[in-house]
C-alpha atoms as a PDB file:
ATOM      1  CA  MET A   1     -73.434 -13.364 164.976  1.00  0.00           C
ATOM      2  CA  ARG A   2     -77.004 -11.993 163.987  1.00  0.00           C
ATOM      3  CA  PRO A   3     -77.937  -8.782 165.693  1.00  0.00           C
ATOM      4  CA  PRO A   4     -80.917  -8.761 168.075  1.00  0.00           C
ATOM      5  CA  GLN A   5     -84.386  -9.092 166.504  1.00  0.00           C
ATOM      6  CA  THR A   6     -87.859  -8.232 167.429  1.00  0.00           C
ATOM      7  CA  TRP A   7     -90.120 -11.348 167.890  1.00  0.00           C
ATOM      8  CA  MET A   8     -93.784 -11.487 168.400  1.00  0.00           C
ATOM      9  CA  ILE A   9     -94.963 -14.718 169.990  1.00  0.00           C
ATOM     10  CA  THR A  10     -98.647 -15.556 170.403  1.00  0.00           C
ATOM     11  CA  GLY A  11    -100.017 -17.738 173.135  1.00  0.00           C
ATOM     12  CA  ALA A  12     -96.870 -16.921 175.332  1.00  0.00           C
ATOM     13  CA  ASN A  13     -98.105 -17.471 178.796  1.00  0.00           C
ATOM     14  CA  ARG A  14     -97.435 -21.258 179.079  1.00  0.00           C
ATOM     15  CA  GLY A  15     -95.976 -24.234 177.342  1.00  0.00           C
ATOM     16  CA  LEU A  16     -94.029 -23.793 174.169  1.00  0.00           C
ATOM     17  CA  GLY A  17     -95.072 -20.235 173.755  1.00  0.00           C
ATOM     18  CA  ARG A  18     -93.542 -19.375 177.263  1.00  0.00           C
ATOM     19  CA  ALA A  19     -90.380 -21.399 176.430  1.00  0.00           C
ATOM     20  CA  LEU A  20     -89.921 -19.508 173.154  1.00  0.00           C
ATOM     21  CA  THR A  21     -90.434 -16.256 174.934  1.00  0.00           C
ATOM     22  CA  LEU A  22     -87.681 -16.938 177.487  1.00  0.00           C
ATOM     23  CA  ALA A  23     -85.278 -18.512 175.031  1.00  0.00           C
ATOM     24  CA  ALA A  24     -85.773 -15.352 172.677  1.00  0.00           C
ATOM     25  CA  LEU A  25     -85.048 -13.087 175.583  1.00  0.00           C
ATOM     26  CA  GLU A  26     -81.965 -15.182 176.581  1.00  0.00           C
ATOM     27  CA  ALA A  27     -80.676 -14.970 173.126  1.00  0.00           C
ATOM     28  CA  GLY A  28     -80.777 -11.087 173.244  1.00  0.00           C
ATOM     29  CA  HIS A  29     -83.947 -10.514 171.268  1.00  0.00           C
ATOM     30  CA  ARG A  30     -86.764  -8.168 172.046  1.00  0.00           C
ATOM     31  CA  VAL A  31     -90.104 -10.111 172.350  1.00  0.00           C
ATOM     32  CA  VAL A  32     -93.661  -8.918 172.285  1.00  0.00           C
ATOM     33  CA  ALA A  33     -95.733 -11.681 173.877  1.00  0.00           C
ATOM     34  CA  THR A  34     -99.364 -11.851 173.475  1.00  0.00           C
ATOM     35  CA  VAL A  35    -101.717 -13.582 175.991  1.00  0.00           C
ATOM     36  CA  ARG A  36    -105.416 -14.118 176.378  1.00  0.00           C
ATOM     37  CA  GLY A  37    -105.764 -12.462 179.928  1.00  0.00           C
ATOM     38  CA  GLU A  38    -103.738 -12.708 183.020  1.00  0.00           C
ATOM     39  CA  HIS A  39    -100.133 -14.043 182.751  1.00  0.00           C
ATOM     40  CA  SER A  40     -97.212 -14.994 184.846  1.00  0.00           C
ATOM     41  CA  LEU A  41     -94.314 -14.067 182.555  1.00  0.00           C
ATOM     42  CA  PRO A  42     -91.463 -12.712 184.501  1.00  0.00           C
ATOM     43  CA  PRO A  43     -90.665  -8.885 183.894  1.00  0.00           C
ATOM     44  CA  HIS A  44     -87.816  -8.088 181.586  1.00  0.00           C
ATOM     45  CA  GLU A  45     -86.503  -5.002 179.911  1.00  0.00           C
ATOM     46  CA  ARG A  46     -86.939  -6.454 176.377  1.00  0.00           C
ATOM     47  CA  LEU A  47     -90.342  -7.967 177.016  1.00  0.00           C
ATOM     48  CA  SER A  48     -93.692  -6.346 176.319  1.00  0.00           C
ATOM     49  CA  VAL A  49     -97.033  -8.171 176.842  1.00  0.00           C
ATOM     50  CA  GLN A  50    -100.193  -7.550 174.880  1.00  0.00           C
ATOM     51  CA  VAL A  51    -103.578  -8.935 175.406  1.00  0.00           C
ATOM     52  CA  LEU A  52    -104.847 -10.382 172.289  1.00  0.00           C
ATOM     53  CA  ASP A  53    -107.695 -12.594 171.123  1.00  0.00           C
ATOM     54  CA  VAL A  54    -106.191 -14.033 167.841  1.00  0.00           C
ATOM     55  CA  ARG A  55    -109.654 -14.550 166.629  1.00  0.00           C
ATOM     56  CA  ASP A  56    -110.272 -10.975 166.147  1.00  0.00           C
ATOM     57  CA  PRO A  57    -108.837  -9.950 162.798  1.00  0.00           C
ATOM     58  CA  ASN A  58    -108.935  -6.124 163.674  1.00  0.00           C
ATOM     59  CA  ALA A  59    -107.278  -6.713 167.108  1.00  0.00           C
ATOM     60  CA  ALA A  60    -104.703  -8.893 165.415  1.00  0.00           C
ATOM     61  CA  ARG A  61    -103.824  -6.212 163.057  1.00  0.00           C
ATOM     62  CA  ALA A  62    -103.603  -3.537 165.697  1.00  0.00           C
ATOM     63  CA  ALA A  63    -101.278  -5.954 167.791  1.00  0.00           C
ATOM     64  CA  VAL A  64     -98.794  -6.544 164.876  1.00  0.00           C
ATOM     65  CA  GLN A  65     -98.810  -2.748 164.132  1.00  0.00           C
ATOM     66  CA  ARG A  66     -97.976  -1.971 167.818  1.00  0.00           C
ATOM     67  CA  ALA A  67     -95.348  -4.793 168.069  1.00  0.00           C
ATOM     68  CA  ALA A  68     -93.553  -3.188 165.003  1.00  0.00           C
ATOM     69  CA  ALA A  69     -93.915   0.380 166.222  1.00  0.00           C
ATOM     70  CA  GLU A  70     -92.167  -0.426 169.526  1.00  0.00           C
ATOM     71  CA  SER A  71     -88.819  -0.988 168.020  1.00  0.00           C
ATOM     72  CA  GLY A  72     -89.370   0.204 164.302  1.00  0.00           C
ATOM     73  CA  ARG A  73     -89.458  -3.404 162.755  1.00  0.00           C
ATOM     74  CA  LEU A  74     -90.792  -6.931 163.179  1.00  0.00           C
ATOM     75  CA  ASP A  75     -88.350  -9.646 162.485  1.00  0.00           C
ATOM     76  CA  VAL A  76     -90.096 -13.005 163.481  1.00  0.00           C
ATOM     77  CA  LEU A  77     -93.759 -13.663 163.991  1.00  0.00           C
ATOM     78  CA  VAL A  78     -94.440 -16.922 165.923  1.00  0.00           C
ATOM     79  CA  ASN A  79     -98.113 -18.090 165.640  1.00  0.00           C
ATOM     80  CA  ASN A  80     -98.245 -20.383 168.491  1.00  0.00           C
ATOM     81  CA  ALA A  81    -101.645 -19.682 170.192  1.00  0.00           C
ATOM     82  CA  GLY A  82    -104.067 -22.596 169.838  1.00  0.00           C
ATOM     83  CA  TYR A  83    -105.723 -25.523 171.699  1.00  0.00           C
ATOM     84  CA  GLY A  84    -106.756 -29.113 171.148  1.00  0.00           C
ATOM     85  CA  LEU A  85    -110.366 -30.475 170.805  1.00  0.00           C
ATOM     86  CA  ILE A  86    -111.211 -34.098 171.774  1.00  0.00           C
ATOM     87  CA  GLY A  87    -114.456 -35.296 170.193  1.00  0.00           C
ATOM     88  CA  ALA A  88    -115.524 -37.494 167.312  1.00  0.00           C
ATOM     89  CA  ILE A  89    -116.738 -35.755 164.373  1.00  0.00           C
ATOM     90  CA  GLU A  90    -120.342 -36.615 164.945  1.00  0.00           C
ATOM     91  CA  GLU A  91    -120.002 -35.197 168.565  1.00  0.00           C
ATOM     92  CA  ALA A  92    -118.637 -31.699 167.679  1.00  0.00           C
ATOM     93  CA  THR A  93    -120.950 -28.822 167.766  1.00  0.00           C
ATOM     94  CA  GLU A  94    -121.086 -25.906 165.299  1.00  0.00           C
ATOM     95  CA  GLU A  95    -119.851 -23.629 168.087  1.00  0.00           C
ATOM     96  CA  GLU A  96    -116.885 -25.801 168.847  1.00  0.00           C
ATOM     97  CA  ALA A  97    -115.954 -26.369 165.143  1.00  0.00           C
ATOM     98  CA  ARG A  98    -116.082 -22.588 164.390  1.00  0.00           C
ATOM     99  CA  ALA A  99    -114.159 -21.730 167.584  1.00  0.00           C
ATOM    100  CA  ILE A 100    -111.263 -23.931 166.816  1.00  0.00           C
ATOM    101  CA  VAL A 101    -111.047 -22.864 163.320  1.00  0.00           C
ATOM    102  CA  ASP A 102    -111.156 -19.307 164.283  1.00  0.00           C
ATOM    103  CA  THR A 103    -108.235 -19.878 166.775  1.00  0.00           C
ATOM    104  CA  ASN A 104    -106.043 -22.381 165.193  1.00  0.00           C
ATOM    105  CA  LEU A 105    -106.540 -21.588 161.516  1.00  0.00           C
ATOM    106  CA  LEU A 106    -107.871 -18.095 161.029  1.00  0.00           C
ATOM    107  CA  GLY A 107    -105.857 -16.473 163.953  1.00  0.00           C
ATOM    108  CA  PRO A 108    -102.464 -17.451 162.243  1.00  0.00           C
ATOM    109  CA  LEU A 109    -103.958 -16.109 158.962  1.00  0.00           C
ATOM    110  CA  TRP A 110    -104.966 -12.719 160.397  1.00  0.00           C
ATOM    111  CA  LEU A 111    -101.586 -12.178 161.980  1.00  0.00           C
ATOM    112  CA  SER A 112     -99.467 -13.304 158.942  1.00  0.00           C
ATOM    113  CA  GLN A 113    -101.533 -10.997 156.729  1.00  0.00           C
ATOM    114  CA  ALA A 114    -100.711  -8.259 159.147  1.00  0.00           C
ATOM    115  CA  ALA A 115     -97.150  -8.957 159.411  1.00  0.00           C
ATOM    116  CA  ILE A 116     -96.414  -9.373 155.522  1.00  0.00           C
ATOM    117  CA  PRO A 117     -96.568  -5.759 154.548  1.00  0.00           C
ATOM    118  CA  ILE A 118     -94.195  -4.760 157.473  1.00  0.00           C
ATOM    119  CA  MET A 119     -91.705  -7.423 156.655  1.00  0.00           C
ATOM    120  CA  ARG A 120     -91.987  -6.957 152.846  1.00  0.00           C
ATOM    121  CA  ALA A 121     -90.958  -3.174 153.520  1.00  0.00           C
ATOM    122  CA  GLN A 122     -88.038  -4.268 155.458  1.00  0.00           C
ATOM    123  CA  GLY A 123     -86.893  -6.794 152.818  1.00  0.00           C
ATOM    124  CA  ALA A 124     -86.783  -9.341 155.448  1.00  0.00           C
ATOM    125  CA  GLY A 125     -88.822 -11.289 157.996  1.00  0.00           C
ATOM    126  CA  HIS A 126     -89.788 -14.802 159.220  1.00  0.00           C
ATOM    127  CA  ILE A 127     -93.244 -16.340 159.793  1.00  0.00           C
ATOM    128  CA  VAL A 128     -93.021 -19.277 162.117  1.00  0.00           C
ATOM    129  CA  GLN A 129     -96.169 -21.398 162.271  1.00  0.00           C
ATOM    130  CA  ILE A 130     -96.528 -23.775 165.222  1.00  0.00           C
ATOM    131  CA  SER A 131     -98.013 -26.891 163.588  1.00  0.00           C
ATOM    132  CA  THR A 132     -97.802 -30.539 164.606  1.00  0.00           C
ATOM    133  CA  VAL A 133     -97.098 -34.035 163.306  1.00  0.00           C
ATOM    134  CA  GLY A 134    -100.726 -34.294 163.421  1.00  0.00           C
ATOM    135  CA  ALA A 135    -100.876 -32.075 160.267  1.00  0.00           C
ATOM    136  CA  VAL A 136     -99.478 -34.852 158.323  1.00  0.00           C
ATOM    137  CA  GLY A 137    -101.665 -37.739 159.624  1.00  0.00           C
ATOM    138  CA  THR A 138    -104.887 -37.906 161.882  1.00  0.00           C
ATOM    139  CA  MET A 139    -106.087 -39.349 165.059  1.00  0.00           C
ATOM    140  CA  PRO A 140    -109.611 -40.498 165.784  1.00  0.00           C
ATOM    141  CA  THR A 141    -111.341 -37.932 168.015  1.00  0.00           C
ATOM    142  CA  LEU A 142    -108.775 -35.236 167.124  1.00  0.00           C
ATOM    143  CA  GLY A 143    -110.208 -34.680 163.586  1.00  0.00           C
ATOM    144  CA  LEU A 144    -111.178 -31.002 163.955  1.00  0.00           C
ATOM    145  CA  TYR A 145    -107.854 -30.199 165.483  1.00  0.00           C
ATOM    146  CA  ASN A 146    -106.054 -32.076 162.775  1.00  0.00           C
ATOM    147  CA  SER A 147    -108.071 -30.195 160.104  1.00  0.00           C
ATOM    148  CA  THR A 148    -107.071 -26.860 161.514  1.00  0.00           C
ATOM    149  CA  LYS A 149    -103.402 -27.819 161.470  1.00  0.00           C
ATOM    150  CA  TRP A 150    -103.745 -29.205 157.891  1.00  0.00           C
ATOM    151  CA  GLY A 151    -105.412 -25.944 156.724  1.00  0.00           C
ATOM    152  CA  LEU A 152    -102.445 -24.082 158.465  1.00  0.00           C
ATOM    153  CA  GLU A 153     -99.887 -26.181 156.614  1.00  0.00           C
ATOM    154  CA  ALA A 154    -101.808 -25.619 153.200  1.00  0.00           C
ATOM    155  CA  PHE A 155    -101.961 -21.848 153.335  1.00  0.00           C
ATOM    156  CA  SER A 156     -98.364 -21.486 154.873  1.00  0.00           C
ATOM    157  CA  GLU A 157     -97.073 -23.534 151.951  1.00  0.00           C
ATOM    158  CA  ALA A 158     -98.624 -21.273 149.417  1.00  0.00           C
ATOM    159  CA  LEU A 159     -97.593 -18.289 151.449  1.00  0.00           C
ATOM    160  CA  ALA A 160     -93.863 -19.366 151.448  1.00  0.00           C
ATOM    161  CA  ALA A 161     -93.713 -19.462 147.689  1.00  0.00           C
ATOM    162  CA  GLU A 162     -95.668 -16.181 147.494  1.00  0.00           C
ATOM    163  CA  VAL A 163     -93.323 -14.077 149.756  1.00  0.00           C
ATOM    164  CA  LYS A 164     -89.960 -15.821 148.914  1.00  0.00           C
ATOM    165  CA  GLU A 165     -89.148 -13.047 146.260  1.00  0.00           C
ATOM    166  CA  PHE A 166     -89.650 -10.412 149.056  1.00  0.00           C
ATOM    167  CA  GLY A 167     -86.896 -11.971 151.232  1.00  0.00           C
ATOM    168  CA  LEU A 168     -89.361 -13.541 153.709  1.00  0.00           C
ATOM    169  CA  ARG A 169     -89.183 -16.898 155.218  1.00  0.00           C
ATOM    170  CA  VAL A 170     -91.960 -19.170 156.313  1.00  0.00           C
ATOM    171  CA  SER A 171     -91.473 -22.183 158.572  1.00  0.00           C
ATOM    172  CA  LEU A 172     -93.882 -24.958 159.769  1.00  0.00           C
ATOM    173  CA  ILE A 173     -92.815 -26.314 162.915  1.00  0.00           C
ATOM    174  CA  GLU A 174     -94.003 -30.015 163.534  1.00  0.00           C
ATOM    175  CA  PRO A 175     -93.402 -31.189 167.020  1.00  0.00           C
ATOM    176  CA  GLY A 176     -94.124 -34.589 168.211  1.00  0.00           C
ATOM    177  CA  ALA A 177     -95.003 -35.065 171.780  1.00  0.00           C
ATOM    178  CA  LEU A 178     -94.161 -32.113 174.023  1.00  0.00           C
ATOM    179  CA  ASP A 179     -93.913 -32.257 177.832  1.00  0.00           C
ATOM    180  CA  THR A 180     -96.460 -29.608 178.307  1.00  0.00           C
ATOM    181  CA  ASP A 181    -100.082 -29.310 179.713  1.00  0.00           C
ATOM    182  CA  TRP A 182    -101.497 -29.310 176.291  1.00  0.00           C
ATOM    183  CA  ALA A 183    -103.550 -32.422 177.031  1.00  0.00           C
ATOM    184  CA  GLY A 184    -104.796 -30.843 180.140  1.00  0.00           C
ATOM    185  CA  SER A 185    -105.765 -27.137 180.626  1.00  0.00           C
ATOM    186  CA  SER A 186    -105.210 -26.472 176.797  1.00  0.00           C
ATOM    187  CA  MET A 187    -107.459 -29.422 175.838  1.00  0.00           C
ATOM    188  CA  ARG A 188    -111.346 -28.943 175.249  1.00  0.00           C
ATOM    189  CA  PHE A 189    -113.830 -31.715 175.017  1.00  0.00           C
ATOM    190  CA  SER A 190    -117.049 -32.296 173.046  1.00  0.00           C
ATOM    191  CA  SER A 191    -119.939 -33.706 175.025  1.00  0.00           C
ATOM    192  CA  PRO A 192    -119.599 -37.588 174.554  1.00  0.00           C
ATOM    193  CA  ASP A 193    -121.835 -40.039 172.628  1.00  0.00           C
ATOM    194  CA  SER A 194    -121.778 -43.292 174.297  1.00  0.00           C
ATOM    195  CA  ALA A 195    -121.375 -44.956 170.985  1.00  0.00           C
ATOM    196  CA  TYR A 196    -117.710 -43.805 171.096  1.00  0.00           C
ATOM    197  CA  ASP A 197    -116.892 -44.887 174.557  1.00  0.00           C
ATOM    198  CA  PRO A 198    -115.134 -48.139 173.361  1.00  0.00           C
ATOM    199  CA  LEU A 199    -113.117 -46.007 171.101  1.00  0.00           C
ATOM    200  CA  ARG A 200    -112.105 -43.554 173.904  1.00  0.00           C
ATOM    201  CA  THR A 201    -111.262 -46.294 176.284  1.00  0.00           C
ATOM    202  CA  GLN A 202    -109.088 -48.027 173.503  1.00  0.00           C
ATOM    203  CA  LEU A 203    -107.249 -44.717 172.716  1.00  0.00           C
ATOM    204  CA  PHE A 204    -106.925 -43.127 176.097  1.00  0.00           C
ATOM    205  CA  GLY A 205    -107.530 -45.847 178.598  1.00  0.00           C
ATOM    206  CA  THR A 206    -110.704 -44.188 179.823  1.00  0.00           C
ATOM    207  CA  ALA A 207    -114.205 -43.318 178.269  1.00  0.00           C
ATOM    208  CA  GLN A 208    -114.436 -40.483 180.869  1.00  0.00           C
ATOM    209  CA  VAL A 209    -114.907 -37.002 179.329  1.00  0.00           C
ATOM    210  CA  PRO A 210    -113.049 -34.863 180.232  1.00  0.00           C
ATOM    211  CA  TRP A 211    -110.468 -37.280 181.346  1.00  0.00           C
ATOM    212  CA  PRO A 212    -108.951 -37.093 184.723  1.00  0.00           C
ATOM    213  CA  GLN A 213    -106.292 -34.190 185.327  1.00  0.00           C
ATOM    214  CA  CYS A 214    -102.843 -35.619 185.223  1.00  0.00           C
ATOM    215  CA  GLU A 215     -99.467 -34.686 184.956  1.00  0.00           C
ATOM    216  CA  PRO A 216     -97.712 -33.986 181.515  1.00  0.00           C
ATOM    217  CA  SER A 217     -97.098 -37.415 179.821  1.00  0.00           C
ATOM    218  CA  GLY A 218     -93.702 -36.694 178.633  1.00  0.00           C
ATOM    219  CA  GLY A 219     -92.109 -35.946 175.407  1.00  0.00           C
ATOM    220  CA  THR A 220     -89.562 -33.222 174.228  1.00  0.00           C
ATOM    221  CA  SER A 221     -89.243 -30.438 176.730  1.00  0.00           C
ATOM    222  CA  PRO A 222     -90.528 -27.011 175.755  1.00  0.00           C
ATOM    223  CA  ALA A 223     -87.026 -25.559 176.402  1.00  0.00           C
ATOM    224  CA  GLU A 224     -85.403 -28.113 174.029  1.00  0.00           C
ATOM    225  CA  ALA A 225     -88.114 -27.346 171.334  1.00  0.00           C
ATOM    226  CA  ALA A 226     -87.695 -23.656 171.719  1.00  0.00           C
ATOM    227  CA  SER A 227     -83.787 -24.167 171.344  1.00  0.00           C
ATOM    228  CA  ALA A 228     -84.432 -26.053 168.164  1.00  0.00           C
ATOM    229  CA  ILE A 229     -86.704 -23.389 166.771  1.00  0.00           C
ATOM    230  CA  LEU A 230     -84.440 -20.550 167.454  1.00  0.00           C
ATOM    231  CA  ALA A 231     -81.580 -22.349 165.884  1.00  0.00           C
ATOM    232  CA  HIS A 232     -83.609 -22.887 162.811  1.00  0.00           C
ATOM    233  CA  VAL A 233     -84.556 -19.267 162.685  1.00  0.00           C
ATOM    234  CA  ALA A 234     -81.019 -18.146 163.230  1.00  0.00           C
ATOM    235  CA  ASP A 235     -79.651 -20.220 160.573  1.00  0.00           C
ATOM    236  CA  PRO A 236     -80.157 -18.538 157.016  1.00  0.00           C
ATOM    237  CA  GLN A 237     -78.935 -21.594 155.301  1.00  0.00           C
ATOM    238  CA  ASP A 238     -81.725 -23.789 156.770  1.00  0.00           C
ATOM    239  CA  GLU A 239     -84.268 -23.567 154.036  1.00  0.00           C
ATOM    240  CA  ARG A 240     -86.659 -26.289 155.273  1.00  0.00           C
ATOM    241  CA  LEU A 241     -90.369 -25.398 155.133  1.00  0.00           C
ATOM    242  CA  ARG A 242     -91.326 -28.141 157.514  1.00  0.00           C
ATOM    243  CA  VAL A 243     -89.049 -28.558 160.724  1.00  0.00           C
ATOM    244  CA  LEU A 244     -89.454 -31.676 162.870  1.00  0.00           C
ATOM    245  CA  VAL A 245     -89.035 -31.270 166.458  1.00  0.00           C
ATOM    246  CA  GLY A 246     -88.595 -34.145 168.935  1.00  0.00           C
ATOM    247  CA  ASP A 247     -86.994 -37.613 168.499  1.00  0.00           C
ATOM    248  CA  ASP A 248     -90.557 -39.188 168.009  1.00  0.00           C
ATOM    249  CA  ALA A 249     -91.618 -36.705 165.189  1.00  0.00           C
ATOM    250  CA  PRO A 250     -89.744 -38.237 162.124  1.00  0.00           C
ATOM    251  CA  VAL A 251     -91.172 -41.692 162.952  1.00  0.00           C
ATOM    252  CA  GLN A 252     -94.684 -40.473 163.167  1.00  0.00           C
ATOM    253  CA  VAL A 253     -94.472 -38.485 160.078  1.00  0.00           C
ATOM    254  CA  ARG A 254     -92.994 -41.545 158.169  1.00  0.00           C
ATOM    255  CA  ALA A 255     -95.818 -43.749 159.402  1.00  0.00           C
ATOM    256  CA  ALA A 256     -98.339 -41.153 158.266  1.00  0.00           C
ATOM    257  CA  LEU A 257     -96.994 -40.658 154.883  1.00  0.00           C
ATOM    258  CA  THR A 258     -96.547 -44.456 154.361  1.00  0.00           C
ATOM    259  CA  LEU A 259    -100.261 -45.003 154.982  1.00  0.00           C
ATOM    260  CA  ARG A 260    -101.223 -42.192 152.539  1.00  0.00           C
ATOM    261  CA  LEU A 261     -98.921 -43.463 149.898  1.00  0.00           C
ATOM    262  CA  ALA A 262    -100.260 -47.014 150.281  1.00  0.00           C
ATOM    263  CA  ASP A 263    -103.720 -45.640 149.720  1.00  0.00           C
ATOM    264  CA  TYR A 264    -102.746 -43.863 146.687  1.00  0.00           C
ATOM    265  CA  ALA A 265    -100.941 -46.892 145.358  1.00  0.00           C
ATOM    266  CA  ARG A 266    -104.238 -48.937 145.150  1.00  0.00           C
ATOM    267  CA  ASP A 267    -104.861 -46.933 141.963  1.00  0.00           C
ATOM    268  CA  GLU A 268    -102.930 -48.738 139.282  1.00  0.00           C
ATOM    269  CA  ARG A 269    -102.190 -45.534 137.610  1.00  0.00           C
ATOM    270  CA  PHE A 270    -100.129 -44.219 140.557  1.00  0.00           C
ATOM    271  CA  PRO A 271     -96.388 -44.089 139.740  1.00  0.00           C
ATOM    272  CA  LYS A 272     -94.622 -46.909 141.478  1.00  0.00           C
ATOM    273  CA  GLU A 273     -91.332 -44.957 141.757  1.00  0.00           C
END
């Protein structure tokens, strides 16, 4: 059985981040949880909470340094903080585009950069990037969100090869649908252009923006997803870079890859096998 570790988890107040925090504590680990502001995490002797805006590179570096200083090491960094944005590409403003890139893409970059020297000095460490099956394909009106996750996957794949010789692991977690409030309080909306009302109605059953508040729409429970992630981290033989979470995830990835391969296959030079 592996000894307790020090985990740092961003976006820990709700959804998957909260579930991961509670699961890591239950497994005996020490957790440094980061939140944007007020939180409702239960007190625990092995839990410390930091307020962090992941968009600030200086704050990100300072937070990682504090997390490592508390217990003398940093074993697992989970880059979970992020949000969704509904808006056709034409509808998105510059402010919206820069904000989601700063949070979903650059935030994990700053935190990963800060963690690597600490983990390299230890000779071990694991960076866990919370991605999505939407990093394999795309969905209309989620293009900017998809683009941040595609970028996350690109730099993380390169990072995995760069730090492997130092004894560091990198994982991309690709969940399908999660039974969280991601589509509610964690979703932002561009100002709508009526030209896209038919598309919104086709996709979501309504052209209303933002859409009416509703209960989580189902999917893998956050606790189940957290359990799968902890099991992956705990298994040194599990060398997957991309880890699918949820029973719907493999089918969604297969469908996206099939479409992409079919597009490439239109070039007669593309290998058939």
